[in-house]
Amino acid sequence: MKTQYFTSSSLDGFIATEDDSLEWLFPLGDVADTAYPAFFAEVGALVMGAATYEWLLRHVVQPEGTPPQPWPYTQPTWVLTTRTLPTVPGADIRFAQGDVRPVHAALVAAAGGKNVWIVGGGELAGQFYDANLLDEIFVQVGSVTLGRGKPLLPRRITAPPLRLRSVRAVGTGFAELHYEVPRAPAPA
C-alpha cells in the first residue's frame, strides 16, 4: 500500500490555471495511452481538496447544460475542506478538515490494502508530504507553459531529494515522471 500523488503539470510547474481551468491539458494526449489506467486499477481510496472536488462537480458530474452524471469513482473519497459543499447522491464521499494524519489513517483502512491516491491539489499533496505520509509522485509534464496558476507541489524538497524511478514519453504532449519520496532522516 502506498500513498501516491498522481497529477499533470505544465512544463513550468502548474496543475491548473489561476481560475482552476484544465483546458490546456486535454489537447495534449489520450489518458488511455498514459500510466493512469494501470495506476488507477491499484487505487483503493482517494483524497482531494475542495477546488478539485468542485471542478469535478462542474465538469464531470454536471457539466453546464447536461443532465447529472454519476460520480466517476467507486472508491471511498475524502474531500478536505473548511466549507460546506454539495454531495453527490449515491457516492461514497466524506468531508474532513484539519490535520491529514487522521484522514490518512481512515484512507488506509478504507483502501483495503490498495493504494491511496491524492488527486489534488498541490497544497494538499504538500500537507501529506509534511506529515511524512507521501510515498510516490507521478507527474505527467505537459508540453505547455502557463506562466502562473496552481503550483504542482508548493514545498521545498531538497534533502533528501526525490528519487526518479522512471521516465516515459507519451506521444508528443507528455513526459511521465515517477518519483519515490524518501523519508527525511529523523531529527537527532
Protein backbone atom coordinates (compact mmCIF):
# COMPACT_ATOMS: atom_id res chain seq x y z
CA MET A 1 0.00 0.00 0.00
CA LYS A 2 1.36 3.40 -1.00
CA THR A 3 0.14 6.96 -0.77
CA GLN A 4 0.58 8.47 -4.22
CA TYR A 5 0.16 11.89 -5.77
CA PHE A 6 -0.73 11.38 -9.45
CA THR A 7 -1.28 14.55 -11.46
CA SER A 8 -0.45 16.50 -14.60
CA SER A 9 1.55 19.67 -14.74
CA SER A 10 2.54 22.30 -17.24
CA LEU A 11 6.24 22.47 -18.09
CA ASP A 12 6.56 25.44 -15.73
CA GLY A 13 5.04 23.58 -12.78
CA PHE A 14 1.33 24.39 -12.61
CA ILE A 15 -1.50 21.86 -12.32
CA ALA A 16 -4.24 24.37 -13.20
CA THR A 17 -4.65 27.98 -14.17
CA GLU A 18 -5.39 30.59 -11.53
CA ASP A 19 -9.14 30.04 -12.09
CA ASP A 20 -8.78 26.21 -11.85
CA SER A 21 -9.05 25.60 -15.60
CA LEU A 22 -7.61 22.42 -17.10
CA GLU A 23 -8.46 23.29 -20.70
CA TRP A 24 -4.73 23.43 -21.51
CA LEU A 25 -4.38 19.76 -20.55
CA PHE A 26 -6.90 17.87 -22.68
CA PRO A 27 -5.43 18.52 -26.16
CA LEU A 28 -2.05 17.09 -25.12
CA GLY A 29 -2.87 13.39 -25.28
CA ASP A 30 -5.19 10.49 -24.59
CA VAL A 31 -5.35 9.31 -20.97
CA ALA A 32 -5.62 5.70 -22.21
CA ASP A 33 -2.04 5.97 -23.55
CA THR A 34 -0.65 7.03 -20.17
CA ALA A 35 0.18 5.13 -16.98
CA TYR A 36 -3.14 6.26 -15.50
CA PRO A 37 -5.23 3.12 -16.27
CA ALA A 38 -2.71 0.79 -14.58
CA PHE A 39 -2.21 3.27 -11.73
CA PHE A 40 -5.94 3.66 -11.13
CA ALA A 41 -6.53 -0.12 -11.05
CA GLU A 42 -4.47 -0.20 -7.83
CA VAL A 43 -6.32 2.68 -6.07
CA GLY A 44 -8.47 1.78 -3.06
CA ALA A 45 -9.30 5.25 -1.69
CA LEU A 46 -8.97 8.86 -2.84
CA VAL A 47 -8.47 12.25 -1.23
CA MET A 48 -8.80 15.67 -2.80
CA GLY A 49 -9.12 19.30 -1.88
CA ALA A 50 -12.23 21.42 -2.28
CA ALA A 51 -11.12 23.04 -5.57
CA THR A 52 -10.58 19.63 -7.19
CA TYR A 53 -13.93 18.39 -5.89
CA GLU A 54 -15.74 21.48 -7.19
CA TRP A 55 -14.01 21.11 -10.58
CA LEU A 56 -15.29 17.51 -10.78
CA LEU A 57 -18.80 18.66 -9.87
CA ARG A 58 -18.75 21.37 -12.58
CA HIS A 59 -17.05 19.43 -15.38
CA VAL A 60 -17.77 15.73 -14.79
CA VAL A 61 -20.85 15.29 -12.60
CA GLN A 62 -22.95 18.13 -14.01
CA PRO A 63 -21.38 19.97 -16.91
CA GLU A 64 -23.39 23.05 -17.82
CA GLY A 65 -26.48 22.24 -19.85
CA THR A 66 -26.33 18.46 -19.36
CA PRO A 67 -28.16 16.04 -17.09
CA PRO A 68 -26.31 14.92 -13.95
CA GLN A 69 -23.77 12.11 -14.38
CA PRO A 70 -22.68 9.64 -11.70
CA TRP A 71 -19.65 10.33 -9.53
CA PRO A 72 -16.68 8.97 -11.53
CA TYR A 73 -15.15 6.93 -8.69
CA THR A 74 -16.45 3.86 -6.87
CA GLN A 75 -13.74 4.05 -4.21
CA PRO A 76 -14.34 5.93 -0.96
CA THR A 77 -13.36 9.57 -1.43
CA TRP A 78 -12.38 12.15 1.18
CA VAL A 79 -12.64 15.87 0.46
CA LEU A 80 -10.62 18.16 2.70
CA THR A 81 -12.45 21.45 3.09
CA THR A 82 -13.44 24.05 5.63
CA ARG A 83 -16.63 24.84 3.71
CA THR A 84 -19.95 23.07 3.34
CA LEU A 85 -20.04 21.53 -0.14
CA PRO A 86 -22.82 19.75 -2.03
CA THR A 87 -22.89 15.96 -2.01
CA VAL A 88 -23.34 13.59 -4.94
CA PRO A 89 -26.21 11.11 -4.49
CA GLY A 90 -25.02 7.51 -4.27
CA ALA A 91 -21.32 8.42 -3.98
CA ASP A 92 -19.12 7.44 -1.04
CA ILE A 93 -17.82 10.95 -0.32
CA ARG A 94 -16.66 12.01 3.13
CA PHE A 95 -15.79 15.55 4.13
CA ALA A 96 -12.99 16.30 6.59
CA GLN A 97 -10.82 19.17 7.73
CA GLY A 98 -7.69 19.75 9.73
CA ASP A 99 -4.65 17.53 10.12
CA VAL A 100 -4.18 14.98 7.33
CA ARG A 101 -2.86 12.27 9.70
CA PRO A 102 -6.25 11.00 10.94
CA VAL A 103 -7.65 11.33 7.42
CA HIS A 104 -4.74 9.25 6.13
CA ALA A 105 -5.43 6.54 8.72
CA ALA A 106 -9.06 6.39 7.54
CA LEU A 107 -7.96 6.31 3.88
CA VAL A 108 -5.58 3.41 4.51
CA ALA A 109 -8.27 1.46 6.37
CA ALA A 110 -10.81 2.07 3.58
CA ALA A 111 -8.32 1.22 0.81
CA GLY A 112 -8.19 -2.40 1.94
CA GLY A 113 -4.53 -2.96 1.02
CA LYS A 114 -4.70 -0.96 -2.19
CA ASN A 115 -3.09 2.43 -2.74
CA VAL A 116 -4.29 5.87 -1.64
CA TRP A 117 -4.46 8.50 -4.39
CA ILE A 118 -4.00 12.17 -3.59
CA VAL A 119 -5.97 13.53 -6.53
CA GLY A 120 -5.17 17.20 -5.99
CA GLY A 121 -4.20 19.85 -5.40
CA GLY A 122 -0.60 20.60 -4.82
CA GLU A 123 -1.06 22.13 -1.37
CA LEU A 124 -2.93 19.02 -0.20
CA ALA A 125 -0.14 16.77 -1.51
CA GLY A 126 2.27 19.07 0.34
CA GLN A 127 0.40 18.51 3.59
CA PHE A 128 0.80 14.73 3.18
CA TYR A 129 4.50 15.30 2.42
CA ASP A 130 4.86 17.47 5.55
CA ALA A 131 3.31 14.67 7.64
CA ASN A 132 5.78 12.15 6.14
CA LEU A 133 2.89 10.24 4.54
CA LEU A 134 3.64 10.68 0.81
CA ASP A 135 5.35 7.68 -0.86
CA GLU A 136 5.31 8.42 -4.59
CA ILE A 137 4.70 11.21 -7.08
CA PHE A 138 3.60 10.61 -10.66
CA VAL A 139 3.63 13.71 -12.87
CA GLN A 140 2.62 13.90 -16.49
CA VAL A 141 4.51 17.01 -17.59
CA GLY A 142 2.72 18.66 -20.50
CA SER A 143 4.33 20.49 -23.38
CA VAL A 144 2.79 23.85 -22.47
CA THR A 145 3.62 26.69 -20.09
CA LEU A 146 1.01 28.64 -18.16
CA GLY A 147 3.10 31.43 -16.64
CA ARG A 148 1.18 31.24 -13.39
CA GLY A 149 -1.51 29.18 -11.72
CA LYS A 150 -1.92 26.47 -9.08
CA PRO A 151 1.53 25.03 -8.24
CA LEU A 152 2.36 21.36 -8.65
CA LEU A 153 3.80 20.93 -5.14
CA PRO A 154 4.48 24.12 -3.20
CA ARG A 155 7.19 22.66 -0.97
CA ARG A 156 10.96 22.81 -0.91
CA ILE A 157 12.14 19.21 -1.21
CA THR A 158 15.92 19.09 -1.29
CA ALA A 159 17.25 16.83 1.44
CA PRO A 160 16.75 14.09 0.73
CA PRO A 161 15.79 14.73 -2.91
CA LEU A 162 13.09 12.76 -4.69
CA ARG A 163 14.32 9.53 -6.36
CA LEU A 164 13.48 9.27 -10.05
CA ARG A 165 12.11 5.79 -10.79
CA SER A 166 11.05 6.13 -14.42
CA VAL A 167 10.57 8.49 -17.34
CA ARG A 168 8.38 7.78 -20.35
CA ALA A 169 7.32 9.82 -23.37
CA VAL A 170 3.59 9.74 -24.07
CA GLY A 171 3.01 10.92 -27.62
CA THR A 172 4.28 14.41 -28.34
CA GLY A 173 2.46 16.06 -25.44
CA PHE A 174 3.68 14.45 -22.21
CA ALA A 175 6.67 13.17 -20.32
CA GLU A 176 5.59 10.90 -17.47
CA LEU A 177 7.82 11.09 -14.42
CA HIS A 178 7.60 8.68 -11.48
CA TYR A 179 9.38 9.60 -8.24
CA GLU A 180 9.80 7.87 -4.93
CA VAL A 181 9.61 10.19 -1.91
CA PRO A 182 12.37 9.15 0.51
CA ARG A 183 11.74 9.67 4.17
CA ALA A 184 13.56 12.56 5.76
CA PRO A 185 16.06 11.46 8.41
CA ALA A 186 14.70 11.51 11.93
CA PRO A 187 15.88 14.50 13.97
CA ALA A 188 18.82 13.74 16.27
